[in-house]
Protein backbone atom coordinates (compact mmCIF):
# COMPACT_ATOMS: atom_id res chain seq x y z
CA CYS A 1 29.22 22.36 -47.77
CA HIS A 2 30.21 18.99 -46.34
CA PHE A 3 28.59 15.71 -45.44
CA TYR A 4 30.51 14.14 -42.55
CA ILE A 5 30.73 11.22 -40.16
CA LEU A 6 32.14 11.65 -36.66
CA HIS A 7 33.36 8.88 -34.38
CA SER A 8 33.58 8.87 -30.59
CA PRO A 9 36.21 6.31 -29.50
CA SER A 10 35.06 6.40 -25.86
CA LYS A 11 31.44 5.57 -26.75
CA ASN A 12 32.21 3.68 -29.98
CA LYS A 13 29.41 5.65 -31.64
CA TYR A 14 29.08 7.40 -34.98
CA TYR A 15 27.31 10.64 -35.84
CA ILE A 16 26.23 11.55 -39.36
CA GLY A 17 25.65 15.17 -40.34
CA TYR A 18 26.24 18.00 -42.77
CA THR A 19 27.44 21.58 -42.49
CA CYS A 20 28.13 24.64 -44.58
CA ASP A 21 30.04 26.35 -41.75
CA GLY A 22 33.35 24.51 -42.11
CA LEU A 23 34.29 21.11 -40.74
CA VAL A 24 36.77 22.29 -38.10
CA SER A 25 34.37 24.74 -36.47
CA ARG A 26 31.52 22.21 -36.60
CA LEU A 27 33.68 19.53 -34.96
CA GLU A 28 34.66 21.99 -32.23
CA LYS A 29 30.97 22.71 -31.56
CA HIS A 30 30.22 18.99 -31.27
CA ASN A 31 33.00 18.59 -28.71
CA MET A 32 31.98 21.59 -26.57
CA HIS A 33 28.91 21.42 -24.31
CA HIS A 34 26.73 20.45 -27.25
CA LYS A 35 23.20 19.31 -26.52
CA GLY A 36 21.64 16.35 -28.24
CA TYR A 37 23.24 13.15 -29.48
CA THR A 38 26.83 14.40 -29.60
CA GLY A 39 26.59 15.83 -26.08
CA GLN A 40 27.18 12.35 -24.66
CA ALA A 41 30.91 12.48 -25.54
CA ARG A 42 33.71 15.04 -25.87
CA ASP A 43 36.11 13.04 -28.02
CA TRP A 44 34.44 13.21 -31.45
CA VAL A 45 36.88 12.92 -34.35
CA LEU A 46 36.25 13.31 -38.06
CA ALA A 47 36.07 9.82 -39.57
CA TYR A 48 34.88 10.72 -43.08
CA SER A 49 33.73 13.66 -45.18
CA GLU A 50 32.58 14.55 -48.68
CA GLU A 51 32.43 18.05 -50.14
CA TYR A 52 29.36 19.32 -52.03
CA ALA A 53 28.65 22.50 -53.96
CA THR A 54 25.31 23.12 -52.25
CA LYS A 55 23.57 22.63 -48.92
CA THR A 56 20.85 20.67 -50.71
CA GLU A 57 23.35 18.11 -52.02
CA ALA A 58 25.09 17.71 -48.65
CA TYR A 59 21.74 17.29 -46.88
CA ALA A 60 20.59 14.73 -49.48
CA ARG A 61 23.73 12.67 -48.87
CA GLU A 62 23.15 12.84 -45.10
CA ARG A 63 19.58 11.58 -45.55
CA GLU A 64 20.78 8.81 -47.88
CA VAL A 65 23.41 7.48 -45.46
CA LYS A 66 21.15 7.82 -42.41
CA GLY A 67 18.54 5.88 -44.38
CA TRP A 68 20.87 2.91 -44.62
CA LYS A 69 20.37 2.24 -40.89
CA SER A 70 23.41 -0.02 -41.10
CA ARG A 71 26.54 0.44 -39.03
CA SER A 72 28.43 -2.04 -41.21
CA ARG A 73 27.57 -0.11 -44.37
CA VAL A 74 28.69 3.16 -42.75
CA LEU A 75 31.97 1.50 -41.72
CA ARG A 76 32.50 0.30 -45.29
CA LEU A 77 32.00 3.87 -46.52
CA ILE A 78 34.55 5.17 -44.01
CA GLN A 79 37.04 2.46 -44.99
CA GLY A 80 36.57 3.16 -48.69
CA ASP A 81 35.15 -0.26 -49.58
């Protein structure tokens, strides 16, 4: 499973999520007629990811990062700071 962060250059927005289905297929779904938050753009690119052994661990990391509620902190994570 993976925790991931997507970036839409056209909207300058980030999306935080997790998947156990594979990153490539999940990214494709986000860029195709997806409803919800990622439906507002079609140019999502993978900005960051971490691999986890279980769904529970990946979900916990997603909740942790979403809990930051800080764009600057997310950017520091992406940049490796």
